[in-house]
Amino acid sequence: MSYFPHINSYGWSISPWSDRTGFSDCTKLTSVDVVNFNISTSTDDAFSKAAFRGCSNLVTVKNFKNIAVPQFMFAGCEKLQNIDLSNVTKIGDNAFEDCISLDLR
């Protein structure tokens, strides 16, 4: 995403990248709609690992319907507040590391 420094919101219908880091370190990203984002049920799947790691201004993740959160996927998303984890049955190591604004009540 370094080619699109002004994007702060993104939505897609298929996974738009081929490496495991996806939007890693996109500090301007504040909202993402992952309506058809397919993540492996394995929490250590290299394709999805760290997809949003370091997106320090990410606040909202919409339509997260996957049953697994791969390791480091949202690590460093300090402002992440809104994500529905009701379908999640598996969370990888450090998936929400440093997500200090996340309230899971």
Protein backbone atom coordinates (compact mmCIF):
# COMPACT_ATOMS: atom_id res chain seq x y z
CA MET A 1 0.00 0.00 0.00
CA SER A 2 2.98 2.33 -0.06
CA TYR A 3 1.84 3.33 -3.56
CA PHE A 4 -1.47 4.62 -2.15
CA PRO A 5 -0.48 6.73 0.87
CA HIS A 6 -3.80 8.61 1.07
CA ILE A 7 -6.13 5.58 1.27
CA ASN A 8 -7.78 5.36 4.68
CA SER A 9 -10.60 2.94 3.94
CA TYR A 10 -10.69 -0.18 1.80
CA GLY A 11 -13.13 -2.94 0.89
CA TRP A 12 -12.79 -5.87 -1.50
CA SER A 13 -14.50 -9.02 -2.65
CA ILE A 14 -11.40 -11.19 -3.07
CA SER A 15 -8.00 -11.11 -1.40
CA PRO A 16 -5.97 -8.57 -3.42
CA TRP A 17 -2.45 -9.66 -2.58
CA SER A 18 -0.23 -12.66 -3.00
CA ASP A 19 2.11 -12.36 -0.04
CA ARG A 20 1.42 -12.93 3.62
CA THR A 21 1.65 -9.35 4.84
CA GLY A 22 -1.12 -7.75 2.78
CA PHE A 23 -1.74 -4.31 4.28
CA SER A 24 0.93 -4.58 6.96
CA ASP A 25 2.14 -1.18 8.21
CA CYS A 26 -0.55 0.84 6.38
CA THR A 27 -0.67 3.52 9.02
CA LYS A 28 -3.31 5.59 7.20
CA LEU A 29 -5.81 2.70 7.03
CA THR A 30 -8.66 3.42 9.48
CA SER A 31 -11.43 1.10 8.28
CA VAL A 32 -11.60 -2.11 6.29
CA ASP A 33 -14.54 -4.19 5.05
CA VAL A 34 -13.53 -7.82 4.67
CA VAL A 35 -16.93 -9.09 3.50
CA ASN A 36 -15.52 -11.95 1.37
CA PHE A 37 -12.03 -12.16 2.83
CA ASN A 38 -11.23 -15.86 3.06
CA ILE A 39 -8.79 -16.77 5.78
CA SER A 40 -7.65 -20.32 6.30
CA THR A 41 -8.95 -22.00 9.44
CA SER A 42 -5.30 -22.55 10.34
CA THR A 43 -4.06 -19.77 12.62
CA ASP A 44 -0.55 -20.10 11.20
CA ASP A 45 -1.46 -19.92 7.49
CA ALA A 46 1.33 -17.96 5.80
CA PHE A 47 -1.10 -16.32 3.36
CA SER A 48 -3.03 -14.42 6.02
CA LYS A 49 -0.42 -14.02 8.71
CA ALA A 50 0.15 -10.40 9.74
CA ALA A 51 -2.25 -9.06 7.08
CA PHE A 52 -2.99 -5.90 9.08
CA ARG A 53 -0.02 -5.89 11.45
CA GLY A 54 1.16 -2.39 12.30
CA CYS A 55 -1.92 -0.60 10.93
CA SER A 56 -1.73 1.68 13.93
CA ASN A 57 -4.77 3.79 13.00
CA LEU A 58 -7.10 0.92 12.06
CA VAL A 59 -10.27 1.40 14.15
CA THR A 60 -12.95 -0.73 12.47
CA VAL A 61 -12.98 -4.12 10.75
CA LYS A 62 -16.38 -4.84 9.18
CA ASN A 63 -17.84 -8.22 8.24
CA PHE A 64 -15.17 -10.39 9.86
CA LYS A 65 -16.91 -13.76 9.59
CA ASN A 66 -13.93 -16.10 9.68
CA ILE A 67 -13.53 -18.74 12.37
CA ALA A 68 -9.79 -18.21 12.79
CA VAL A 69 -7.58 -15.18 13.39
CA PRO A 70 -4.04 -16.00 12.21
CA GLN A 71 -1.04 -15.11 14.35
CA PHE A 72 -0.03 -11.43 14.32
CA MET A 73 -2.96 -10.54 12.03
CA PHE A 74 -3.88 -7.36 13.95
CA ALA A 75 -0.74 -6.96 16.08
CA GLY A 76 0.13 -3.32 16.59
CA CYS A 77 -3.35 -2.06 15.69
CA GLU A 78 -3.38 0.20 18.73
CA LYS A 79 -6.64 1.95 17.85
CA LEU A 80 -8.62 -1.14 16.83
CA GLN A 81 -11.96 -0.97 18.66
CA ASN A 82 -14.62 -2.56 16.48
CA ILE A 83 -14.44 -6.13 15.25
CA ASP A 84 -17.08 -8.83 15.62
CA LEU A 85 -15.40 -12.02 16.80
CA SER A 86 -18.62 -13.99 17.37
CA ASN A 87 -17.71 -16.65 14.76
CA VAL A 88 -14.10 -17.01 15.88
CA THR A 89 -13.11 -20.35 17.41
CA LYS A 90 -9.35 -20.07 17.03
CA ILE A 91 -6.98 -17.16 17.70
CA GLY A 92 -3.32 -17.41 16.74
CA ASP A 93 -0.41 -16.30 18.87
CA ASN A 94 -0.13 -12.54 19.25
CA ALA A 95 -3.08 -11.96 16.88
CA PHE A 96 -4.13 -8.91 18.90
CA GLU A 97 -0.79 -7.95 20.44
CA ASP A 98 -0.77 -4.26 21.47
CA CYS A 99 -4.44 -3.75 20.54
CA ILE A 100 -4.86 -1.56 23.61
CA SER A 101 -8.18 0.00 22.51
CA LEU A 102 -9.96 -3.30 21.83
CA ASP A 103 -12.86 -3.91 24.22
CA LEU A 104 -14.09 -7.51 24.10
CA ARG A 105 -16.95 -7.20 26.56
